[in-house]
Amino acid sequence: FRQTLEHFFSELDSDVPFAALSMLVASMAPDQREE
């Protein structure tokens, strides 16, 4: 289980723009999130 988590998280930001996605969602107004 630990190896699975390490594999998933180790390269997450290099494969997927997760941090940028989180920043975008955090800056959205409630009506934009609903849309």
PDB file of all heavy atoms in Angstrom:
ATOM      1  N   PHE A   1       0.838  -1.200   0.000  1.00  0.00           N
ATOM      2  CA  PHE A   1       0.000   0.000   0.000  1.00  0.00           C
ATOM      3  C   PHE A   1       0.874   1.253   0.000  1.00  0.00           C
ATOM      4  O   PHE A   1       0.623   2.199  -0.737  1.00  0.00           O
ATOM      5  CB  PHE A   1      -0.925  -0.024   1.223  1.00  0.00           C
ATOM      6  CG  PHE A   1      -1.839   1.157   1.321  1.00  0.00           C
ATOM      7  CD1 PHE A   1      -2.791   1.412   0.345  1.00  0.00           C
ATOM      8  CD2 PHE A   1      -1.748   2.023   2.408  1.00  0.00           C
ATOM      9  CE1 PHE A   1      -3.639   2.506   0.436  1.00  0.00           C
ATOM     10  CE2 PHE A   1      -2.592   3.122   2.505  1.00  0.00           C
ATOM     11  CZ  PHE A   1      -3.540   3.364   1.524  1.00  0.00           C
ATOM     12  N   ARG A   2       1.924   1.253   0.815  1.00  0.00           N
ATOM     13  CA  ARG A   2       2.838   2.400   0.862  1.00  0.00           C
ATOM     14  C   ARG A   2       3.506   2.622  -0.499  1.00  0.00           C
ATOM     15  O   ARG A   2       3.599   3.747  -0.981  1.00  0.00           O
ATOM     16  CB  ARG A   2       3.905   2.189   1.940  1.00  0.00           C
ATOM     17  CG  ARG A   2       4.911   3.352   2.035  1.00  0.00           C
ATOM     18  CD  ARG A   2       5.993   3.069   3.073  1.00  0.00           C
ATOM     19  NE  ARG A   2       5.438   3.058   4.398  1.00  0.00           N
ATOM     20  CZ  ARG A   2       5.269   4.151   5.155  1.00  0.00           C
ATOM     21  NH1 ARG A   2       5.620   5.341   4.679  1.00  0.00           N
ATOM     22  NH2 ARG A   2       4.765   4.062   6.361  1.00  0.00           N
ATOM     23  N   GLN A   3       3.956   1.547  -1.136  1.00  0.00           N
ATOM     24  CA  GLN A   3       4.595   1.673  -2.449  1.00  0.00           C
ATOM     25  C   GLN A   3       3.618   2.219  -3.495  1.00  0.00           C
ATOM     26  O   GLN A   3       3.995   3.010  -4.359  1.00  0.00           O
ATOM     27  CB  GLN A   3       5.134   0.314  -2.910  1.00  0.00           C
ATOM     28  CG  GLN A   3       6.358  -0.150  -2.154  1.00  0.00           C
ATOM     29  CD  GLN A   3       6.717  -1.593  -2.474  1.00  0.00           C
ATOM     30  OE1 GLN A   3       5.858  -2.402  -2.846  1.00  0.00           O
ATOM     31  NE2 GLN A   3       7.995  -1.928  -2.313  1.00  0.00           N
ATOM     32  N   THR A   4       2.355   1.795  -3.398  1.00  0.00           N
ATOM     33  CA  THR A   4       1.333   2.290  -4.315  1.00  0.00           C
ATOM     34  C   THR A   4       1.174   3.800  -4.170  1.00  0.00           C
ATOM     35  O   THR A   4       1.140   4.537  -5.160  1.00  0.00           O
ATOM     36  CB  THR A   4      -0.015   1.592  -4.048  1.00  0.00           C
ATOM     37  OG1 THR A   4       0.127   0.193  -4.318  1.00  0.00           O
ATOM     38  CG2 THR A   4      -1.117   2.161  -4.924  1.00  0.00           C
ATOM     39  N   LEU A   5       1.081   4.263  -2.916  1.00  0.00           N
ATOM     40  CA  LEU A   5       0.950   5.700  -2.669  1.00  0.00           C
ATOM     41  C   LEU A   5       2.188   6.450  -3.154  1.00  0.00           C
ATOM     42  O   LEU A   5       2.078   7.505  -3.782  1.00  0.00           O
ATOM     43  CB  LEU A   5       0.740   5.962  -1.175  1.00  0.00           C
ATOM     44  CG  LEU A   5      -0.579   5.473  -0.567  1.00  0.00           C
ATOM     45  CD1 LEU A   5      -0.584   5.733   0.938  1.00  0.00           C
ATOM     46  CD2 LEU A   5      -1.770   6.145  -1.228  1.00  0.00           C
ATOM     47  N   GLU A   6       3.357   5.909  -2.862  1.00  0.00           N
ATOM     48  CA  GLU A   6       4.600   6.570  -3.282  1.00  0.00           C
ATOM     49  C   GLU A   6       4.671   6.664  -4.804  1.00  0.00           C
ATOM     50  O   GLU A   6       5.087   7.691  -5.353  1.00  0.00           O
ATOM     51  CB  GLU A   6       5.808   5.813  -2.733  1.00  0.00           C
ATOM     52  CG  GLU A   6       5.973   5.975  -1.233  1.00  0.00           C
ATOM     53  CD  GLU A   6       7.027   5.061  -0.633  1.00  0.00           C
ATOM     54  OE1 GLU A   6       7.440   4.097  -1.311  1.00  0.00           O
ATOM     55  OE2 GLU A   6       7.426   5.306   0.523  1.00  0.00           O
ATOM     56  N   HIS A   7       4.268   5.602  -5.485  1.00  0.00           N
ATOM     57  CA  HIS A   7       4.284   5.598  -6.945  1.00  0.00           C
ATOM     58  C   HIS A   7       3.324   6.647  -7.494  1.00  0.00           C
ATOM     59  O   HIS A   7       3.644   7.389  -8.429  1.00  0.00           O
ATOM     60  CB  HIS A   7       3.905   4.214  -7.466  1.00  0.00           C
ATOM     61  CG  HIS A   7       3.893   4.111  -8.959  1.00  0.00           C
ATOM     62  ND1 HIS A   7       2.726   4.217  -9.700  1.00  0.00           N
ATOM     63  CD2 HIS A   7       4.882   3.955  -9.850  1.00  0.00           C
ATOM     64  CE1 HIS A   7       3.010   4.104 -10.982  1.00  0.00           C
ATOM     65  NE2 HIS A   7       4.311   3.942 -11.108  1.00  0.00           N
ATOM     66  N   PHE A   8       2.140   6.723  -6.899  1.00  0.00           N
ATOM     67  CA  PHE A   8       1.130   7.670  -7.373  1.00  0.00           C
ATOM     68  C   PHE A   8       1.584   9.113  -7.164  1.00  0.00           C
ATOM     69  O   PHE A   8       1.508   9.938  -8.071  1.00  0.00           O
ATOM     70  CB  PHE A   8      -0.195   7.423  -6.643  1.00  0.00           C
ATOM     71  CG  PHE A   8      -1.261   8.444  -6.951  1.00  0.00           C
ATOM     72  CD1 PHE A   8      -1.692   8.647  -8.252  1.00  0.00           C
ATOM     73  CD2 PHE A   8      -1.836   9.187  -5.939  1.00  0.00           C
ATOM     74  CE1 PHE A   8      -2.681   9.590  -8.545  1.00  0.00           C
ATOM     75  CE2 PHE A   8      -2.828  10.124  -6.226  1.00  0.00           C
ATOM     76  CZ  PHE A   8      -3.249  10.318  -7.522  1.00  0.00           C
ATOM     77  N   PHE A   9       2.086   9.416  -5.969  1.00  0.00           N
ATOM     78  CA  PHE A   9       2.395  10.801  -5.632  1.00  0.00           C
ATOM     79  C   PHE A   9       3.760  11.267  -6.121  1.00  0.00           C
ATOM     80  O   PHE A   9       3.964  12.462  -6.323  1.00  0.00           O
ATOM     81  CB  PHE A   9       2.318  11.011  -4.121  1.00  0.00           C
ATOM     82  CG  PHE A   9       0.933  10.873  -3.562  1.00  0.00           C
ATOM     83  CD1 PHE A   9       0.667   9.992  -2.529  1.00  0.00           C
ATOM     84  CD2 PHE A   9      -0.120  11.616  -4.078  1.00  0.00           C
ATOM     85  CE1 PHE A   9      -0.609   9.866  -2.008  1.00  0.00           C
ATOM     86  CE2 PHE A   9      -1.400  11.488  -3.574  1.00  0.00           C
ATOM     87  CZ  PHE A   9      -1.642  10.616  -2.531  1.00  0.00           C
ATOM     88  N   SER A  10       4.701  10.341  -6.326  1.00  0.00           N
ATOM     89  CA  SER A  10       6.093  10.736  -6.580  1.00  0.00           C
ATOM     90  C   SER A  10       6.253  11.626  -7.801  1.00  0.00           C
ATOM     91  O   SER A  10       7.025  12.578  -7.785  1.00  0.00           O
ATOM     92  CB  SER A  10       6.985   9.497  -6.717  1.00  0.00           C
ATOM     93  OG  SER A  10       6.596   8.743  -7.853  1.00  0.00           O
ATOM     94  N   GLU A  11       5.530  11.307  -8.866  1.00  0.00           N
ATOM     95  CA  GLU A  11       5.677  12.077 -10.100  1.00  0.00           C
ATOM     96  C   GLU A  11       4.392  12.808 -10.495  1.00  0.00           C
ATOM     97  O   GLU A  11       4.236  13.213 -11.637  1.00  0.00           O
ATOM     98  CB  GLU A  11       6.099  11.140 -11.251  1.00  0.00           C
ATOM     99  CG  GLU A  11       7.394  10.389 -11.009  1.00  0.00           C
ATOM    100  CD  GLU A  11       8.589  11.323 -10.921  1.00  0.00           C
ATOM    101  OE1 GLU A  11       8.559  12.395 -11.554  1.00  0.00           O
ATOM    102  OE2 GLU A  11       9.545  10.993 -10.207  1.00  0.00           O
ATOM    103  N   LEU A  12       3.492  12.974  -9.539  1.00  0.00           N
ATOM    104  CA  LEU A  12       2.176  13.511  -9.882  1.00  0.00           C
ATOM    105  C   LEU A  12       2.263  14.876 -10.539  1.00  0.00           C
ATOM    106  O   LEU A  12       1.658  15.110 -11.580  1.00  0.00           O
ATOM    107  CB  LEU A  12       1.294  13.590  -8.630  1.00  0.00           C
ATOM    108  CG  LEU A  12      -0.159  14.025  -8.860  1.00  0.00           C
ATOM    109  CD1 LEU A  12      -0.880  13.074  -9.789  1.00  0.00           C
ATOM    110  CD2 LEU A  12      -0.905  14.112  -7.536  1.00  0.00           C
ATOM    111  N   ASP A  13       3.041  15.779  -9.961  1.00  0.00           N
ATOM    112  CA  ASP A  13       3.093  17.127 -10.528  1.00  0.00           C
ATOM    113  C   ASP A  13       3.873  17.200 -11.828  1.00  0.00           C
ATOM    114  O   ASP A  13       3.683  18.113 -12.614  1.00  0.00           O
ATOM    115  CB  ASP A  13       3.682  18.115  -9.519  1.00  0.00           C
ATOM    116  CG  ASP A  13       2.583  18.833  -8.740  1.00  0.00           C
ATOM    117  OD1 ASP A  13       1.434  18.847  -9.219  1.00  0.00           O
ATOM    118  OD2 ASP A  13       2.875  19.369  -7.667  1.00  0.00           O
ATOM    119  N   SER A  14       4.760  16.222 -12.077  1.00  0.00           N
ATOM    120  CA  SER A  14       5.465  16.253 -13.357  1.00  0.00           C
ATOM    121  C   SER A  14       4.595  15.671 -14.472  1.00  0.00           C
ATOM    122  O   SER A  14       4.688  16.087 -15.617  1.00  0.00           O
ATOM    123  CB  SER A  14       6.789  15.478 -13.263  1.00  0.00           C
ATOM    124  OG  SER A  14       6.549  14.113 -12.989  1.00  0.00           O
ATOM    125  N   ASP A  15       3.732  14.708 -14.115  1.00  0.00           N
ATOM    126  CA  ASP A  15       2.836  14.105 -15.105  1.00  0.00           C
ATOM    127  C   ASP A  15       1.574  14.933 -15.301  1.00  0.00           C
ATOM    128  O   ASP A  15       1.062  15.064 -16.403  1.00  0.00           O
ATOM    129  CB  ASP A  15       2.391  12.707 -14.645  1.00  0.00           C
ATOM    130  CG  ASP A  15       3.505  11.688 -14.742  1.00  0.00           C
ATOM    131  OD1 ASP A  15       4.559  12.025 -15.291  1.00  0.00           O
ATOM    132  OD2 ASP A  15       3.320  10.572 -14.242  1.00  0.00           O
ATOM    133  N   VAL A  16       1.070  15.478 -14.225  1.00  0.00           N
ATOM    134  CA  VAL A  16      -0.234  16.122 -14.209  1.00  0.00           C
ATOM    135  C   VAL A  16      -0.104  17.468 -13.498  1.00  0.00           C
ATOM    136  O   VAL A  16       0.526  17.546 -12.459  1.00  0.00           O
ATOM    137  CB  VAL A  16      -1.259  15.241 -13.441  1.00  0.00           C
ATOM    138  CG1 VAL A  16      -2.609  15.922 -13.373  1.00  0.00           C
ATOM    139  CG2 VAL A  16      -1.381  13.870 -14.073  1.00  0.00           C
ATOM    140  N   PRO A  17      -0.697  18.523 -14.043  1.00  0.00           N
ATOM    141  CA  PRO A  17      -0.591  19.838 -13.404  1.00  0.00           C
ATOM    142  C   PRO A  17      -1.521  19.964 -12.205  1.00  0.00           C
ATOM    143  O   PRO A  17      -2.419  20.809 -12.158  1.00  0.00           O
ATOM    144  CB  PRO A  17      -0.983  20.794 -14.532  1.00  0.00           C
ATOM    145  CG  PRO A  17      -1.934  19.997 -15.365  1.00  0.00           C
ATOM    146  CD  PRO A  17      -1.439  18.577 -15.304  1.00  0.00           C
ATOM    147  N   PHE A  18      -1.318  19.074 -11.198  1.00  0.00           N
ATOM    148  CA  PHE A  18      -2.261  19.023 -10.087  1.00  0.00           C
ATOM    149  C   PHE A  18      -2.245  20.297  -9.257  1.00  0.00           C
ATOM    150  O   PHE A  18      -3.281  20.820  -8.867  1.00  0.00           O
ATOM    151  CB  PHE A  18      -1.974  17.816  -9.188  1.00  0.00           C
ATOM    152  CG  PHE A  18      -2.952  17.692  -8.061  1.00  0.00           C
ATOM    153  CD1 PHE A  18      -4.246  17.256  -8.297  1.00  0.00           C
ATOM    154  CD2 PHE A  18      -2.599  18.061  -6.771  1.00  0.00           C
ATOM    155  CE1 PHE A  18      -5.164  17.178  -7.271  1.00  0.00           C
ATOM    156  CE2 PHE A  18      -3.516  17.981  -5.738  1.00  0.00           C
ATOM    157  CZ  PHE A  18      -4.796  17.528  -5.987  1.00  0.00           C
ATOM    158  N   ALA A  19      -1.049  20.819  -8.975  1.00  0.00           N
ATOM    159  CA  ALA A  19      -0.967  22.044  -8.175  1.00  0.00           C
ATOM    160  C   ALA A  19      -1.647  23.202  -8.894  1.00  0.00           C
ATOM    161  O   ALA A  19      -2.396  23.974  -8.298  1.00  0.00           O
ATOM    162  CB  ALA A  19       0.489  22.381  -7.865  1.00  0.00           C
ATOM    163  N   ALA A  20      -1.404  23.309 -10.206  1.00  0.00           N
ATOM    164  CA  ALA A  20      -2.030  24.382 -10.981  1.00  0.00           C
ATOM    165  C   ALA A  20      -3.547  24.203 -11.021  1.00  0.00           C
ATOM    166  O   ALA A  20      -4.307  25.178 -10.923  1.00  0.00           O
ATOM    167  CB  ALA A  20      -1.467  24.414 -12.399  1.00  0.00           C
ATOM    168  N   LEU A  21      -4.003  22.963 -11.160  1.00  0.00           N
ATOM    169  CA  LEU A  21      -5.437  22.680 -11.156  1.00  0.00           C
ATOM    170  C   LEU A  21      -6.053  23.131  -9.835  1.00  0.00           C
ATOM    171  O   LEU A  21      -7.102  23.768  -9.812  1.00  0.00           O
ATOM    172  CB  LEU A  21      -5.675  21.181 -11.364  1.00  0.00           C
ATOM    173  CG  LEU A  21      -7.117  20.690 -11.231  1.00  0.00           C
ATOM    174  CD1 LEU A  21      -7.985  21.274 -12.333  1.00  0.00           C
ATOM    175  CD2 LEU A  21      -7.166  19.170 -11.258  1.00  0.00           C
ATOM    176  N   SER A  22      -5.371  22.816  -8.729  1.00  0.00           N
ATOM    177  CA  SER A  22      -5.871  23.209  -7.408  1.00  0.00           C
ATOM    178  C   SER A  22      -5.947  24.722  -7.275  1.00  0.00           C
ATOM    179  O   SER A  22      -6.902  25.261  -6.708  1.00  0.00           O
ATOM    180  CB  SER A  22      -4.964  22.632  -6.312  1.00  0.00           C
ATOM    181  OG  SER A  22      -4.891  21.240  -6.426  1.00  0.00           O
ATOM    182  N   MET A  23      -4.931  25.420  -7.813  1.00  0.00           N
ATOM    183  CA  MET A  23      -4.932  26.880  -7.755  1.00  0.00           C
ATOM    184  C   MET A  23      -6.098  27.455  -8.547  1.00  0.00           C
ATOM    185  O   MET A  23      -6.758  28.408  -8.099  1.00  0.00           O
ATOM    186  CB  MET A  23      -3.615  27.426  -8.307  1.00  0.00           C
ATOM    187  CG  MET A  23      -2.410  27.126  -7.449  1.00  0.00           C
ATOM    188  SD  MET A  23      -0.898  27.698  -8.273  1.00  0.00           S
ATOM    189  CE  MET A  23       0.340  26.778  -7.384  1.00  0.00           C
ATOM    190  N   LEU A  24      -6.357  26.891  -9.719  1.00  0.00           N
ATOM    191  CA  LEU A  24      -7.470  27.372 -10.538  1.00  0.00           C
ATOM    192  C   LEU A  24      -8.804  27.182  -9.825  1.00  0.00           C
ATOM    193  O   LEU A  24      -9.629  28.093  -9.759  1.00  0.00           O
ATOM    194  CB  LEU A  24      -7.501  26.642 -11.879  1.00  0.00           C
ATOM    195  CG  LEU A  24      -6.534  27.108 -12.954  1.00  0.00           C
ATOM    196  CD1 LEU A  24      -6.612  26.177 -14.155  1.00  0.00           C
ATOM    197  CD2 LEU A  24      -6.854  28.539 -13.377  1.00  0.00           C
ATOM    198  N   VAL A  25      -9.019  25.985  -9.292  1.00  0.00           N
ATOM    199  CA  VAL A  25     -10.283  25.687  -8.622  1.00  0.00           C
ATOM    200  C   VAL A  25     -10.458  26.580  -7.400  1.00  0.00           C
ATOM    201  O   VAL A  25     -11.546  27.092  -7.132  1.00  0.00           O
ATOM    202  CB  VAL A  25     -10.364  24.195  -8.247  1.00  0.00           C
ATOM    203  CG1 VAL A  25     -11.586  23.921  -7.381  1.00  0.00           C
ATOM    204  CG2 VAL A  25     -10.410  23.334  -9.509  1.00  0.00           C
ATOM    205  N   ALA A  26      -9.354  26.811  -6.662  1.00  0.00           N
ATOM    206  CA  ALA A  26      -9.426  27.655  -5.468  1.00  0.00           C
ATOM    207  C   ALA A  26      -9.797  29.091  -5.804  1.00  0.00           C
ATOM    208  O   ALA A  26     -10.420  29.786  -4.996  1.00  0.00           O
ATOM    209  CB  ALA A  26      -8.095  27.619  -4.724  1.00  0.00           C
ATOM    210  N   SER A  27      -9.435  29.551  -7.005  1.00  0.00           N
ATOM    211  CA  SER A  27      -9.717  30.945  -7.376  1.00  0.00           C
ATOM    212  C   SER A  27     -11.062  31.120  -8.091  1.00  0.00           C
ATOM    213  O   SER A  27     -11.430  32.233  -8.448  1.00  0.00           O
ATOM    214  CB  SER A  27      -8.593  31.493  -8.263  1.00  0.00           C
ATOM    215  OG  SER A  27      -8.625  30.904  -9.560  1.00  0.00           O
ATOM    216  N   MET A  28     -11.797  30.027  -8.258  1.00  0.00           N
ATOM    217  CA  MET A  28     -13.089  30.107  -8.941  1.00  0.00           C
ATOM    218  C   MET A  28     -14.183  30.615  -8.002  1.00  0.00           C
ATOM    219  O   MET A  28     -14.210  30.262  -6.822  1.00  0.00           O
ATOM    220  CB  MET A  28     -13.495  28.724  -9.481  1.00  0.00           C
ATOM    221  CG  MET A  28     -12.677  28.259 -10.656  1.00  0.00           C
ATOM    222  SD  MET A  28     -12.951  26.508 -11.049  1.00  0.00           S
ATOM    223  CE  MET A  28     -14.670  26.516 -11.498  1.00  0.00           C
ATOM    224  N   ALA A  29     -15.066  31.416  -8.531  1.00  0.00           N
ATOM    225  CA  ALA A  29     -16.241  31.852  -7.779  1.00  0.00           C
ATOM    226  C   ALA A  29     -17.215  30.669  -7.673  1.00  0.00           C
ATOM    227  O   ALA A  29     -17.198  29.771  -8.523  1.00  0.00           O
ATOM    228  CB  ALA A  29     -16.910  33.023  -8.487  1.00  0.00           C
ATOM    229  N   PRO A  30     -18.074  30.656  -6.632  1.00  0.00           N
ATOM    230  CA  PRO A  30     -19.021  29.544  -6.477  1.00  0.00           C
ATOM    231  C   PRO A  30     -19.876  29.278  -7.715  1.00  0.00           C
ATOM    232  O   PRO A  30     -20.130  28.118  -8.057  1.00  0.00           O
ATOM    233  CB  PRO A  30     -19.888  29.990  -5.283  1.00  0.00           C
ATOM    234  CG  PRO A  30     -18.987  30.891  -4.496  1.00  0.00           C
ATOM    235  CD  PRO A  30     -18.145  31.606  -5.513  1.00  0.00           C
ATOM    236  N   ASP A  31     -20.322  30.340  -8.398  1.00  0.00           N
ATOM    237  CA  ASP A  31     -21.155  30.119  -9.582  1.00  0.00           C
ATOM    238  C   ASP A  31     -20.353  29.483 -10.718  1.00  0.00           C
ATOM    239  O   ASP A  31     -20.885  28.705 -11.510  1.00  0.00           O
ATOM    240  CB  ASP A  31     -21.816  31.422 -10.044  1.00  0.00           C
ATOM    241  CG  ASP A  31     -20.804  32.510 -10.400  1.00  0.00           C
ATOM    242  OD1 ASP A  31     -19.770  32.615  -9.728  1.00  0.00           O
ATOM    243  OD2 ASP A  31     -21.065  33.258 -11.364  1.00  0.00           O
ATOM    244  N   GLN A  32     -19.038  29.782 -10.792  1.00  0.00           N
ATOM    245  CA  GLN A  32     -18.195  29.151 -11.811  1.00  0.00           C
ATOM    246  C   GLN A  32     -18.014  27.662 -11.503  1.00  0.00           C
ATOM    247  O   GLN A  32     -18.057  26.840 -12.413  1.00  0.00           O
ATOM    248  CB  GLN A  32     -16.824  29.835 -11.863  1.00  0.00           C
ATOM    249  CG  GLN A  32     -16.846  31.226 -12.459  1.00  0.00           C
ATOM    250  CD  GLN A  32     -15.504  31.897 -12.371  1.00  0.00           C
ATOM    251  OE1 GLN A  32     -14.850  31.896 -11.327  1.00  0.00           O
ATOM    252  NE2 GLN A  32     -15.064  32.475 -13.483  1.00  0.00           N
ATOM    253  N   ARG A  33     -17.830  27.337 -10.225  1.00  0.00           N
ATOM    254  CA  ARG A  33     -17.706  25.923  -9.846  1.00  0.00           C
ATOM    255  C   ARG A  33     -18.973  25.156 -10.194  1.00  0.00           C
ATOM    256  O   ARG A  33     -18.916  24.029 -10.679  1.00  0.00           O
ATOM    257  CB  ARG A  33     -17.416  25.797  -8.341  1.00  0.00           C
ATOM    258  CG  ARG A  33     -16.045  26.240  -7.942  1.00  0.00           C
ATOM    259  CD  ARG A  33     -15.687  25.739  -6.546  1.00  0.00           C
ATOM    260  NE  ARG A  33     -14.525  26.436  -6.048  1.00  0.00           N
ATOM    261  CZ  ARG A  33     -14.553  27.406  -5.149  1.00  0.00           C
ATOM    262  NH1 ARG A  33     -15.695  27.783  -4.632  1.00  0.00           N
ATOM    263  NH2 ARG A  33     -13.446  27.995  -4.749  1.00  0.00           N
ATOM    264  N   GLU A  34     -20.113  25.781  -9.940  1.00  0.00           N
ATOM    265  CA  GLU A  34     -21.384  25.126 -10.246  1.00  0.00           C
ATOM    266  C   GLU A  34     -21.539  24.932 -11.751  1.00  0.00           C
ATOM    267  O   GLU A  34     -22.003  23.878 -12.202  1.00  0.00           O
ATOM    268  CB  GLU A  34     -22.543  25.960  -9.691  1.00  0.00           C
ATOM    269  CG  GLU A  34     -23.932  25.406 -10.003  1.00  0.00           C
ATOM    270  CD  GLU A  34     -24.196  24.030  -9.421  1.00  0.00           C
ATOM    271  OE1 GLU A  34     -23.432  23.575  -8.538  1.00  0.00           O
ATOM    272  OE2 GLU A  34     -25.164  23.386  -9.860  1.00  0.00           O
ATOM    273  N   GLU A  35     -21.129  25.909 -12.540  1.00  0.00           N
ATOM    274  CA  GLU A  35     -21.213  25.789 -13.998  1.00  0.00           C
ATOM    275  C   GLU A  35     -20.342  24.640 -14.493  1.00  0.00           C
ATOM    276  O   GLU A  35     -20.758  23.852 -15.349  1.00  0.00           O
ATOM    277  CB  GLU A  35     -20.783  27.094 -14.673  1.00  0.00           C
ATOM    278  CG  GLU A  35     -20.904  27.041 -16.183  1.00  0.00           C
ATOM    279  CD  GLU A  35     -20.484  28.333 -16.867  1.00  0.00           C
ATOM    280  OE1 GLU A  35     -20.362  29.366 -16.188  1.00  0.00           O
ATOM    281  OE2 GLU A  35     -20.287  28.297 -18.098  1.00  0.00           O
TER     282      GLU A  35
END
